[in-house]
PDB file of N, CA and C in Angstrom:
ATOM      1  N   UNK A   1     -60.485 -42.731-153.715  1.00  0.00           N
ATOM      2  CA  UNK A   1     -61.573 -43.201-154.623  1.00  0.00           C
ATOM      3  C   UNK A   1     -62.202 -43.834-152.813  1.00  0.00           C
ATOM      4  N   UNK A   2     -63.180 -43.836-152.973  1.00  0.00           N
ATOM      5  CA  UNK A   2     -64.190 -43.634-151.803  1.00  0.00           C
ATOM      6  C   UNK A   2     -65.494 -43.898-152.202  1.00  0.00           C
ATOM      7  N   UNK A   3     -66.431 -45.523-152.045  1.00  0.00           N
ATOM      8  CA  UNK A   3     -67.453 -45.487-152.498  1.00  0.00           C
ATOM      9  C   UNK A   3     -68.051 -45.042-154.321  1.00  0.00           C
ATOM     10  N   UNK A   4     -66.394 -45.597-154.715  1.00  0.00           N
ATOM     11  CA  UNK A   4     -67.155 -45.293-156.262  1.00  0.00           C
ATOM     12  C   UNK A   4     -66.982 -43.752-156.786  1.00  0.00           C
ATOM     13  N   UNK A   5     -66.277 -42.530-155.800  1.00  0.00           N
ATOM     14  CA  UNK A   5     -66.866 -41.923-156.003  1.00  0.00           C
ATOM     15  C   UNK A   5     -65.431 -40.141-155.445  1.00  0.00           C
ATOM     16  N   UNK A   6     -64.687 -38.786-156.314  1.00  0.00           N
ATOM     17  CA  UNK A   6     -64.016 -39.039-155.430  1.00  0.00           C
ATOM     18  C   UNK A   6     -64.517 -38.186-154.636  1.00  0.00           C
ATOM     19  N   UNK A   7     -63.282 -37.988-153.425  1.00  0.00           N
ATOM     20  CA  UNK A   7     -63.315 -37.232-152.610  1.00  0.00           C
ATOM     21  C   UNK A   7     -63.958 -35.784-152.577  1.00  0.00           C
ATOM     22  N   UNK A   8     -63.379 -35.690-153.463  1.00  0.00           N
ATOM     23  CA  UNK A   8     -63.396 -34.087-154.322  1.00  0.00           C
ATOM     24  C   UNK A   8     -64.657 -33.072-153.969  1.00  0.00           C
ATOM     25  N   UNK A   9     -65.723 -34.302-154.765  1.00  0.00           N
ATOM     26  CA  UNK A   9     -67.035 -34.029-154.821  1.00  0.00           C
ATOM     27  C   UNK A   9     -68.399 -34.044-153.719  1.00  0.00           C
ATOM     28  N   UNK A  10     -67.623 -34.731-152.541  1.00  0.00           N
ATOM     29  CA  UNK A  10     -68.491 -35.542-151.343  1.00  0.00           C
ATOM     30  C   UNK A  10     -67.761 -34.791-150.042  1.00  0.00           C
ATOM     31  N   UNK A  11     -67.094 -33.542-150.183  1.00  0.00           N
ATOM     32  CA  UNK A  11     -67.668 -32.872-149.433  1.00  0.00           C
ATOM     33  C   UNK A  11     -65.905 -33.159-148.437  1.00  0.00           C
ATOM     34  N   UNK A  12     -65.486 -31.915-147.884  1.00  0.00           N
ATOM     35  CA  UNK A  12     -63.731 -31.883-147.911  1.00  0.00           C
ATOM     36  C   UNK A  12     -63.919 -32.538-145.999  1.00  0.00           C
ATOM     37  N   UNK A  13     -64.680 -33.300-145.255  1.00  0.00           N
ATOM     38  CA  UNK A  13     -64.760 -33.715-144.094  1.00  0.00           C
ATOM     39  C   UNK A  13     -64.612 -34.965-144.071  1.00  0.00           C
ATOM     40  N   UNK A  14     -64.224 -36.172-143.356  1.00  0.00           N
ATOM     41  CA  UNK A  14     -65.047 -37.868-143.209  1.00  0.00           C
ATOM     42  C   UNK A  14     -65.947 -37.059-142.722  1.00  0.00           C
ATOM     43  N   UNK A  15     -66.455 -38.070-142.997  1.00  0.00           N
ATOM     44  CA  UNK A  15     -67.937 -38.427-141.832  1.00  0.00           C
ATOM     45  C   UNK A  15     -66.944 -38.677-139.928  1.00  0.00           C
ATOM     46  N   UNK A  16     -65.262 -39.353-140.073  1.00  0.00           N
ATOM     47  CA  UNK A  16     -65.302 -40.228-138.170  1.00  0.00           C
ATOM     48  C   UNK A  16     -64.622 -38.956-137.628  1.00  0.00           C
ATOM     49  N   UNK A  17     -64.461 -37.899-138.421  1.00  0.00           N
ATOM     50  CA  UNK A  17     -63.749 -36.278-138.113  1.00  0.00           C
ATOM     51  C   UNK A  17     -65.452 -35.575-137.473  1.00  0.00           C
ATOM     52  N   UNK A  18     -66.068 -35.775-138.213  1.00  0.00           N
ATOM     53  CA  UNK A  18     -67.698 -35.118-137.082  1.00  0.00           C
ATOM     54  C   UNK A  18     -67.981 -35.948-136.477  1.00  0.00           C
ATOM     55  N   UNK A  19     -68.000 -36.970-135.905  1.00  0.00           N
ATOM     56  CA  UNK A  19     -68.505 -37.435-134.893  1.00  0.00           C
ATOM     57  C   UNK A  19     -68.452 -36.861-133.568  1.00  0.00           C
ATOM     58  N   UNK A  20     -68.038 -36.307-132.484  1.00  0.00           N
ATOM     59  CA  UNK A  20     -67.408 -35.955-131.213  1.00  0.00           C
ATOM     60  C   UNK A  20     -66.710 -36.958-130.653  1.00  0.00           C
ATOM     61  N   UNK A  21     -65.982 -36.499-130.219  1.00  0.00           N
ATOM     62  CA  UNK A  21     -65.197 -38.234-129.464  1.00  0.00           C
ATOM     63  C   UNK A  21     -65.364 -38.255-127.983  1.00  0.00           C
ATOM     64  N   UNK A  22     -65.221 -39.382-127.323  1.00  0.00           N
ATOM     65  CA  UNK A  22     -65.457 -39.073-126.407  1.00  0.00           C
ATOM     66  C   UNK A  22     -64.093 -38.707-125.585  1.00  0.00           C
ATOM     67  N   UNK A  23     -64.221 -38.520-124.437  1.00  0.00           N
ATOM     68  CA  UNK A  23     -63.229 -37.700-123.097  1.00  0.00           C
ATOM     69  C   UNK A  23     -62.556 -39.124-122.858  1.00  0.00           C
ATOM     70  N   UNK A  24     -61.462 -39.052-122.902  1.00  0.00           N
ATOM     71  CA  UNK A  24     -60.715 -39.241-121.616  1.00  0.00           C
ATOM     72  C   UNK A  24     -60.167 -38.617-120.392  1.00  0.00           C
ATOM     73  N   UNK A  25     -60.364 -38.834-119.352  1.00  0.00           N
ATOM     74  CA  UNK A  25     -60.202 -38.440-117.876  1.00  0.00           C
ATOM     75  C   UNK A  25     -58.955 -39.538-117.704  1.00  0.00           C
ATOM     76  N   UNK A  26     -57.923 -39.616-116.959  1.00  0.00           N
ATOM     77  CA  UNK A  26     -57.110 -40.653-115.999  1.00  0.00           C
ATOM     78  C   UNK A  26     -57.712 -40.278-114.271  1.00  0.00           C
ATOM     79  N   UNK A  27     -57.868 -41.631-113.644  1.00  0.00           N
ATOM     80  CA  UNK A  27     -58.087 -41.180-112.120  1.00  0.00           C
ATOM     81  C   UNK A  27     -57.734 -40.562-111.831  1.00  0.00           C
ATOM     82  N   UNK A  28     -56.085 -40.412-112.026  1.00  0.00           N
ATOM     83  CA  UNK A  28     -55.723 -39.423-111.037  1.00  0.00           C
ATOM     84  C   UNK A  28     -55.998 -37.817-111.314  1.00  0.00           C
ATOM     85  N   UNK A  29     -56.436 -37.906-112.562  1.00  0.00           N
ATOM     86  CA  UNK A  29     -56.123 -36.671-113.140  1.00  0.00           C
ATOM     87  C   UNK A  29     -57.788 -35.550-112.494  1.00  0.00           C
ATOM     88  N   UNK A  30     -58.460 -37.505-112.342  1.00  0.00           N
ATOM     89  CA  UNK A  30     -59.701 -36.615-111.758  1.00  0.00           C
ATOM     90  C   UNK A  30     -59.605 -36.277-110.038  1.00  0.00           C
ATOM     91  N   UNK A  31     -58.426 -37.482-109.116  1.00  0.00           N
ATOM     92  CA  UNK A  31     -58.307 -36.702-107.660  1.00  0.00           C
ATOM     93  C   UNK A  31     -58.579 -35.783-107.241  1.00  0.00           C
ATOM     94  N   UNK A  32     -57.523 -35.271-108.332  1.00  0.00           N
ATOM     95  CA  UNK A  32     -57.030 -34.012-108.154  1.00  0.00           C
ATOM     96  C   UNK A  32     -57.939 -33.012-106.490  1.00  0.00           C
ATOM     97  N   UNK A  33     -57.767 -31.945-105.777  1.00  0.00           N
ATOM     98  CA  UNK A  33     -58.315 -31.781-105.724  1.00  0.00           C
ATOM     99  C   UNK A  33     -58.494 -30.357-105.014  1.00  0.00           C
ATOM    100  N   UNK A  34     -57.244 -29.051-105.732  1.00  0.00           N
ATOM    101  CA  UNK A  34     -56.991 -27.640-105.347  1.00  0.00           C
ATOM    102  C   UNK A  34     -57.879 -27.293-107.141  1.00  0.00           C
ATOM    103  N   UNK A  35     -58.256 -26.196-106.660  1.00  0.00           N
ATOM    104  CA  UNK A  35     -59.329 -25.696-107.222  1.00  0.00           C
ATOM    105  C   UNK A  35     -58.632 -25.238-109.006  1.00  0.00           C
ATOM    106  N   UNK A  36     -57.087 -24.882-108.866  1.00  0.00           N
ATOM    107  CA  UNK A  36     -56.073 -24.355-109.389  1.00  0.00           C
ATOM    108  C   UNK A  36     -55.556 -25.918-110.425  1.00  0.00           C
ATOM    109  N   UNK A  37     -54.917 -26.538-109.689  1.00  0.00           N
ATOM    110  CA  UNK A  37     -54.749 -27.828-109.783  1.00  0.00           C
ATOM    111  C   UNK A  37     -55.390 -28.367-110.901  1.00  0.00           C
ATOM    112  N   UNK A  38     -56.799 -28.208-110.207  1.00  0.00           N
ATOM    113  CA  UNK A  38     -57.917 -29.149-111.123  1.00  0.00           C
ATOM    114  C   UNK A  38     -58.279 -28.552-112.897  1.00  0.00           C
ATOM    115  N   UNK A  39     -58.097 -27.213-112.913  1.00  0.00           N
ATOM    116  CA  UNK A  39     -58.750 -26.532-113.947  1.00  0.00           C
ATOM    117  C   UNK A  39     -57.110 -26.851-115.025  1.00  0.00           C
ATOM    118  N   UNK A  40     -56.323 -27.153-114.178  1.00  0.00           N
ATOM    119  CA  UNK A  40     -55.004 -27.349-114.813  1.00  0.00           C
ATOM    120  C   UNK A  40     -55.052 -28.606-115.699  1.00  0.00           C
ATOM    121  N   UNK A  41     -55.243 -29.856-115.032  1.00  0.00           N
ATOM    122  CA  UNK A  41     -54.607 -31.123-115.350  1.00  0.00           C
ATOM    123  C   UNK A  41     -56.461 -31.237-116.377  1.00  0.00           C
ATOM    124  N   UNK A  42     -57.203 -30.242-116.578  1.00  0.00           N
ATOM    125  CA  UNK A  42     -58.454 -30.279-117.116  1.00  0.00           C
ATOM    126  C   UNK A  42     -57.711 -30.076-118.701  1.00  0.00           C
ATOM    127  N   UNK A  43     -57.263 -28.919-118.456  1.00  0.00           N
ATOM    128  CA  UNK A  43     -56.727 -28.002-119.491  1.00  0.00           C
ATOM    129  C   UNK A  43     -55.320 -28.774-119.851  1.00  0.00           C
ATOM    130  N   UNK A  44     -54.524 -29.625-119.440  1.00  0.00           N
ATOM    131  CA  UNK A  44     -53.894 -30.442-119.664  1.00  0.00           C
ATOM    132  C   UNK A  44     -54.544 -32.208-121.041  1.00  0.00           C
ATOM    133  N   UNK A  45     -55.719 -32.251-119.803  1.00  0.00           N
ATOM    134  CA  UNK A  45     -56.756 -33.642-120.659  1.00  0.00           C
ATOM    135  C   UNK A  45     -56.512 -33.392-122.359  1.00  0.00           C
ATOM    136  N   UNK A  46     -57.539 -31.789-121.988  1.00  0.00           N
ATOM    137  CA  UNK A  46     -57.931 -31.831-122.592  1.00  0.00           C
ATOM    138  C   UNK A  46     -56.956 -31.471-124.103  1.00  0.00           C
ATOM    139  N   UNK A  47     -56.367 -31.228-123.787  1.00  0.00           N
ATOM    140  CA  UNK A  47     -54.947 -30.116-125.576  1.00  0.00           C
ATOM    141  C   UNK A  47     -54.558 -31.574-125.484  1.00  0.00           C
ATOM    142  N   UNK A  48     -53.841 -33.029-124.625  1.00  0.00           N
ATOM    143  CA  UNK A  48     -53.846 -34.529-125.274  1.00  0.00           C
ATOM    144  C   UNK A  48     -55.370 -34.598-126.210  1.00  0.00           C
ATOM    145  N   UNK A  49     -56.000 -34.302-125.608  1.00  0.00           N
ATOM    146  CA  UNK A  49     -57.266 -35.563-126.485  1.00  0.00           C
ATOM    147  C   UNK A  49     -57.398 -34.637-128.045  1.00  0.00           C
ATOM    148  N   UNK A  50     -57.157 -33.200-127.959  1.00  0.00           N
ATOM    149  CA  UNK A  50     -57.358 -32.863-128.918  1.00  0.00           C
ATOM    150  C   UNK A  50     -56.397 -32.505-130.074  1.00  0.00           C
ATOM    151  N   UNK A  51     -55.108 -32.827-129.821  1.00  0.00           N
ATOM    152  CA  UNK A  51     -53.902 -33.197-130.723  1.00  0.00           C
ATOM    153  C   UNK A  51     -54.346 -34.313-130.939  1.00  0.00           C
ATOM    154  N   UNK A  52     -53.902 -35.586-130.012  1.00  0.00           N
ATOM    155  CA  UNK A  52     -55.336 -36.838-130.877  1.00  0.00           C
ATOM    156  C   UNK A  52     -55.836 -36.887-132.204  1.00  0.00           C
ATOM    157  N   UNK A  53     -57.097 -36.327-131.874  1.00  0.00           N
ATOM    158  CA  UNK A  53     -58.092 -35.625-132.982  1.00  0.00           C
ATOM    159  C   UNK A  53     -57.600 -35.510-133.700  1.00  0.00           C
ATOM    160  N   UNK A  54     -56.765 -34.213-134.062  1.00  0.00           N
ATOM    161  CA  UNK A  54     -56.023 -33.307-134.794  1.00  0.00           C
ATOM    162  C   UNK A  54     -55.138 -34.399-135.878  1.00  0.00           C
ATOM    163  N   UNK A  55     -54.701 -35.411-135.101  1.00  0.00           N
ATOM    164  CA  UNK A  55     -53.417 -36.302-135.782  1.00  0.00           C
ATOM    165  C   UNK A  55     -54.365 -37.512-136.410  1.00  0.00           C
ATOM    166  N   UNK A  56     -55.474 -37.565-135.745  1.00  0.00           N
ATOM    167  CA  UNK A  56     -56.559 -38.474-137.244  1.00  0.00           C
ATOM    168  C   UNK A  56     -56.776 -37.748-138.097  1.00  0.00           C
ATOM    169  N   UNK A  57     -57.317 -36.670-137.675  1.00  0.00           N
ATOM    170  CA  UNK A  57     -58.092 -36.531-138.373  1.00  0.00           C
ATOM    171  C   UNK A  57     -56.896 -36.045-139.967  1.00  0.00           C
ATOM    172  N   UNK A  58     -55.516 -35.345-139.372  1.00  0.00           N
ATOM    173  CA  UNK A  58     -55.266 -35.127-140.563  1.00  0.00           C
ATOM    174  C   UNK A  58     -54.510 -36.649-141.161  1.00  0.00           C
ATOM    175  N   UNK A  59     -54.013 -38.208-140.700  1.00  0.00           N
ATOM    176  CA  UNK A  59     -53.392 -38.932-141.212  1.00  0.00           C
ATOM    177  C   UNK A  59     -54.695 -38.832-142.481  1.00  0.00           C
ATOM    178  N   UNK A  60     -56.475 -38.801-141.626  1.00  0.00           N
ATOM    179  CA  UNK A  60     -57.322 -39.265-142.877  1.00  0.00           C
ATOM    180  C   UNK A  60     -57.288 -38.757-143.826  1.00  0.00           C
ATOM    181  N   UNK A  61     -56.973 -37.439-143.984  1.00  0.00           N
ATOM    182  CA  UNK A  61     -57.170 -36.511-144.981  1.00  0.00           C
ATOM    183  C   UNK A  61     -56.101 -37.085-145.720  1.00  0.00           C
ATOM    184  N   UNK A  62     -54.839 -37.494-145.008  1.00  0.00           N
ATOM    185  CA  UNK A  62     -54.044 -37.575-146.319  1.00  0.00           C
ATOM    186  C   UNK A  62     -54.233 -38.559-147.086  1.00  0.00           C
ATOM    187  N   UNK A  63     -54.618 -39.686-146.751  1.00  0.00           N
ATOM    188  CA  UNK A  63     -55.031 -41.314-146.858  1.00  0.00           C
ATOM    189  C   UNK A  63     -56.252 -40.666-147.813  1.00  0.00           C
ATOM    190  N   UNK A  64     -57.216 -39.750-147.792  1.00  0.00           N
ATOM    191  CA  UNK A  64     -58.146 -39.358-148.797  1.00  0.00           C
ATOM    192  C   UNK A  64     -57.306 -38.831-149.826  1.00  0.00           C
ATOM    193  N   UNK A  65     -56.151 -37.599-150.235  1.00  0.00           N
ATOM    194  CA  UNK A  65     -56.104 -36.959-150.953  1.00  0.00           C
ATOM    195  C   UNK A  65     -55.466 -37.946-151.782  1.00  0.00           C
ATOM    196  N   UNK A  66     -54.153 -38.927-150.628  1.00  0.00           N
ATOM    197  CA  UNK A  66     -53.139 -39.967-151.980  1.00  0.00           C
ATOM    198  C   UNK A  66     -54.584 -40.448-153.080  1.00  0.00           C
ATOM    199  N   UNK A  67     -55.829 -41.108-152.512  1.00  0.00           N
ATOM    200  CA  UNK A  67     -56.753 -41.950-152.675  1.00  0.00           C
ATOM    201  C   UNK A  67     -57.468 -41.216-153.992  1.00  0.00           C
ATOM    202  N   UNK A  68     -57.026 -39.872-153.820  1.00  0.00           N
ATOM    203  CA  UNK A  68     -57.639 -39.304-154.570  1.00  0.00           C
ATOM    204  C   UNK A  68     -57.258 -38.824-155.922  1.00  0.00           C
ATOM    205  N   UNK A  69     -55.794 -38.656-155.468  1.00  0.00           N
ATOM    206  CA  UNK A  69     -54.776 -38.579-156.586  1.00  0.00           C
ATOM    207  C   UNK A  69     -54.674 -39.687-158.081  1.00  0.00           C
ATOM    208  N   UNK A  70     -55.193 -40.611-157.097  1.00  0.00           N
ATOM    209  CA  UNK A  70     -54.358 -42.076-157.841  1.00  0.00           C
ATOM    210  C   UNK A  70     -55.781 -42.201-158.642  1.00  0.00           C
ATOM    211  N   UNK A  71     -56.675 -41.789-158.357  1.00  0.00           N
ATOM    212  CA  UNK A  71     -58.339 -42.169-158.920  1.00  0.00           C
ATOM    213  C   UNK A  71     -58.545 -41.185-159.732  1.00  0.00           C
ATOM    214  N   UNK A  72     -58.451 -40.108-160.667  1.00  0.00           N
ATOM    215  CA  UNK A  72     -57.617 -39.064-160.875  1.00  0.00           C
ATOM    216  C   UNK A  72     -57.348 -39.483-162.812  1.00  0.00           C
TER     217      UNK A  72
END
């Protein structure tokens, strides 16, 4: 039960998941010089960032689903 209304009626995706998250670069990854290494570092940073987003989203969905089941 969120805001007095069931999650089922309110659309699947929670608000926080819709907002784009800021990208986090470490100083080390910013100063890599060669093009190949740079793209690799960027890809690695992107993957780490994405997995964090997915984890947060999964936790929120789980929490909402549990609350939804209890409210019926």
